[in-house]
Amino acid sequence: MCDGPLYDPAEVARLVRDQQYEVPTDALVRWLANRNIDVTDKIEELLTSLETHGDFVKQLPLDDEKYAGRIGDVYRVWSDEDEDEGCPNDWYVKFFIENGLLVVVLSCKWWDAPQW
């Protein structure tokens, strides 16, 4: 693995804007919904702003059996929207791109929040 992201943030943003993404984790959807956060809006906001509001953290081998052998990118992304609402404004986002065509979002939570 190298020091930078595996996936081009501009390509991630393009795919997300074209609705070419999925959130396969029910726990992620529940976590956001339980905090009255619109899943679609938040994921689209964060993943389309990686270049301007995100800091690449690391590449991460995925250990889930379903995604074994794939590598995810992890970012810390800042959201101006959340600061206005009194919520933490830095987010942990983990994703990979499947076959160059689909962004698969595996994690999207406040930076310091425990994993579900």
Protein backbone atom coordinates (compact mmCIF):
# COMPACT_ATOMS: atom_id res chain seq x y z
CA MET A 1 0.00 0.00 0.00
CA CYS A 2 1.15 3.50 -0.70
CA ASP A 3 0.95 6.79 1.16
CA GLY A 4 -1.96 8.27 -0.80
CA PRO A 5 -5.51 7.27 -1.62
CA LEU A 6 -6.14 4.30 -3.86
CA TYR A 7 -9.21 5.96 -5.36
CA ASP A 8 -9.20 9.36 -7.05
CA PRO A 9 -11.40 11.71 -4.97
CA ALA A 10 -12.65 13.43 -8.15
CA GLU A 11 -13.79 10.06 -9.53
CA VAL A 12 -15.48 9.21 -6.23
CA ALA A 13 -17.35 12.54 -6.37
CA ARG A 14 -18.37 11.95 -10.00
CA LEU A 15 -19.73 8.48 -9.26
CA VAL A 16 -21.63 9.71 -6.22
CA ARG A 17 -23.12 12.67 -8.13
CA ASP A 18 -24.23 10.14 -10.78
CA GLN A 19 -25.89 8.06 -8.01
CA GLN A 20 -23.40 5.24 -8.56
CA TYR A 21 -22.94 4.26 -4.92
CA GLU A 22 -24.40 1.89 -2.38
CA VAL A 23 -24.58 1.61 1.38
CA PRO A 24 -24.69 -2.13 2.08
CA THR A 25 -24.46 -1.85 5.85
CA ASP A 26 -27.74 -1.67 7.77
CA ALA A 27 -25.84 -0.61 10.88
CA LEU A 28 -24.51 2.47 9.07
CA VAL A 29 -28.01 3.44 7.92
CA ARG A 30 -29.42 2.93 11.43
CA TRP A 31 -26.59 4.90 13.05
CA LEU A 32 -27.29 7.93 10.87
CA ALA A 33 -31.08 7.60 11.03
CA ASN A 34 -31.02 7.32 14.85
CA ARG A 35 -29.37 10.74 14.90
CA ASN A 36 -31.92 12.23 12.49
CA ILE A 37 -29.29 12.51 9.77
CA ASP A 38 -30.50 11.97 6.23
CA VAL A 39 -28.40 9.07 4.93
CA THR A 40 -28.44 10.09 1.28
CA ASP A 41 -27.74 13.77 1.90
CA LYS A 42 -24.89 13.14 4.34
CA ILE A 43 -23.12 10.52 2.23
CA GLU A 44 -23.42 12.62 -0.89
CA GLU A 45 -22.20 15.73 0.93
CA LEU A 46 -19.16 14.01 2.40
CA LEU A 47 -18.10 11.93 -0.61
CA THR A 48 -18.43 14.81 -3.07
CA SER A 49 -16.26 17.04 -0.86
CA LEU A 50 -13.23 14.80 -0.30
CA GLU A 51 -10.98 17.11 -2.32
CA THR A 52 -12.00 20.29 -0.52
CA HIS A 53 -13.01 19.14 2.98
CA GLY A 54 -11.32 15.78 3.39
CA ASP A 55 -7.98 14.56 4.66
CA PHE A 56 -6.87 11.16 3.43
CA VAL A 57 -5.97 9.00 6.45
CA LYS A 58 -4.99 5.58 5.11
CA GLN A 59 -5.66 2.65 2.85
CA LEU A 60 -7.20 -0.21 4.78
CA PRO A 61 -7.42 -3.89 3.79
CA LEU A 62 -11.04 -4.93 4.22
CA ASP A 63 -11.44 -7.87 6.56
CA ASP A 64 -15.15 -8.48 6.06
CA GLU A 65 -15.59 -11.86 4.35
CA LYS A 66 -17.78 -10.29 1.67
CA TYR A 67 -15.06 -7.80 0.68
CA ALA A 68 -11.93 -9.82 1.41
CA GLY A 69 -8.99 -8.88 -0.77
CA ARG A 70 -10.24 -5.36 -1.42
CA ILE A 71 -8.68 -2.16 -0.13
CA GLY A 72 -10.70 0.75 1.24
CA ASP A 73 -9.75 4.39 1.56
CA VAL A 74 -10.35 6.12 4.89
CA TYR A 75 -10.86 9.88 5.10
CA ARG A 76 -11.51 12.41 7.81
CA VAL A 77 -14.03 14.81 6.27
CA TRP A 78 -15.27 18.11 7.70
CA SER A 79 -18.89 19.17 7.34
CA ASP A 80 -19.81 22.84 7.68
CA GLU A 81 -23.44 21.78 7.95
CA ASP A 82 -22.96 19.92 11.24
CA GLU A 83 -21.23 22.76 13.02
CA ASP A 84 -24.37 24.86 12.64
CA GLU A 85 -26.46 22.09 14.20
CA GLY A 86 -24.23 21.63 17.24
CA CYS A 87 -22.98 18.21 16.14
CA PRO A 88 -19.38 17.09 15.67
CA ASN A 89 -18.29 18.30 12.27
CA ASP A 90 -15.55 15.82 11.50
CA TRP A 91 -16.48 12.46 10.00
CA TYR A 92 -14.84 9.05 9.53
CA VAL A 93 -15.64 7.76 6.03
CA LYS A 94 -14.49 4.41 4.59
CA PHE A 95 -15.28 3.22 1.07
CA PHE A 96 -13.96 1.39 -1.97
CA ILE A 97 -14.85 1.40 -5.65
CA GLU A 98 -16.20 -1.86 -7.06
CA ASN A 99 -15.02 -2.61 -10.60
CA GLY A 100 -14.45 1.08 -11.28
CA LEU A 101 -18.21 1.63 -11.43
CA LEU A 102 -19.72 1.78 -7.95
CA VAL A 103 -18.66 3.45 -4.69
CA VAL A 104 -19.37 1.09 -1.80
CA VAL A 105 -19.67 3.07 1.46
CA LEU A 106 -18.76 0.90 4.44
CA SER A 107 -18.53 3.48 7.21
CA CYS A 108 -19.80 7.02 7.77
CA LYS A 109 -19.84 8.26 11.36
CA TRP A 110 -18.59 11.07 13.53
CA TRP A 111 -14.81 10.83 13.80
CA ASP A 112 -14.72 9.95 17.51
CA ALA A 113 -17.87 7.81 17.59
CA PRO A 114 -17.39 4.12 18.41
CA GLN A 115 -18.01 1.59 15.69
CA TRP A 116 -21.55 0.20 15.75
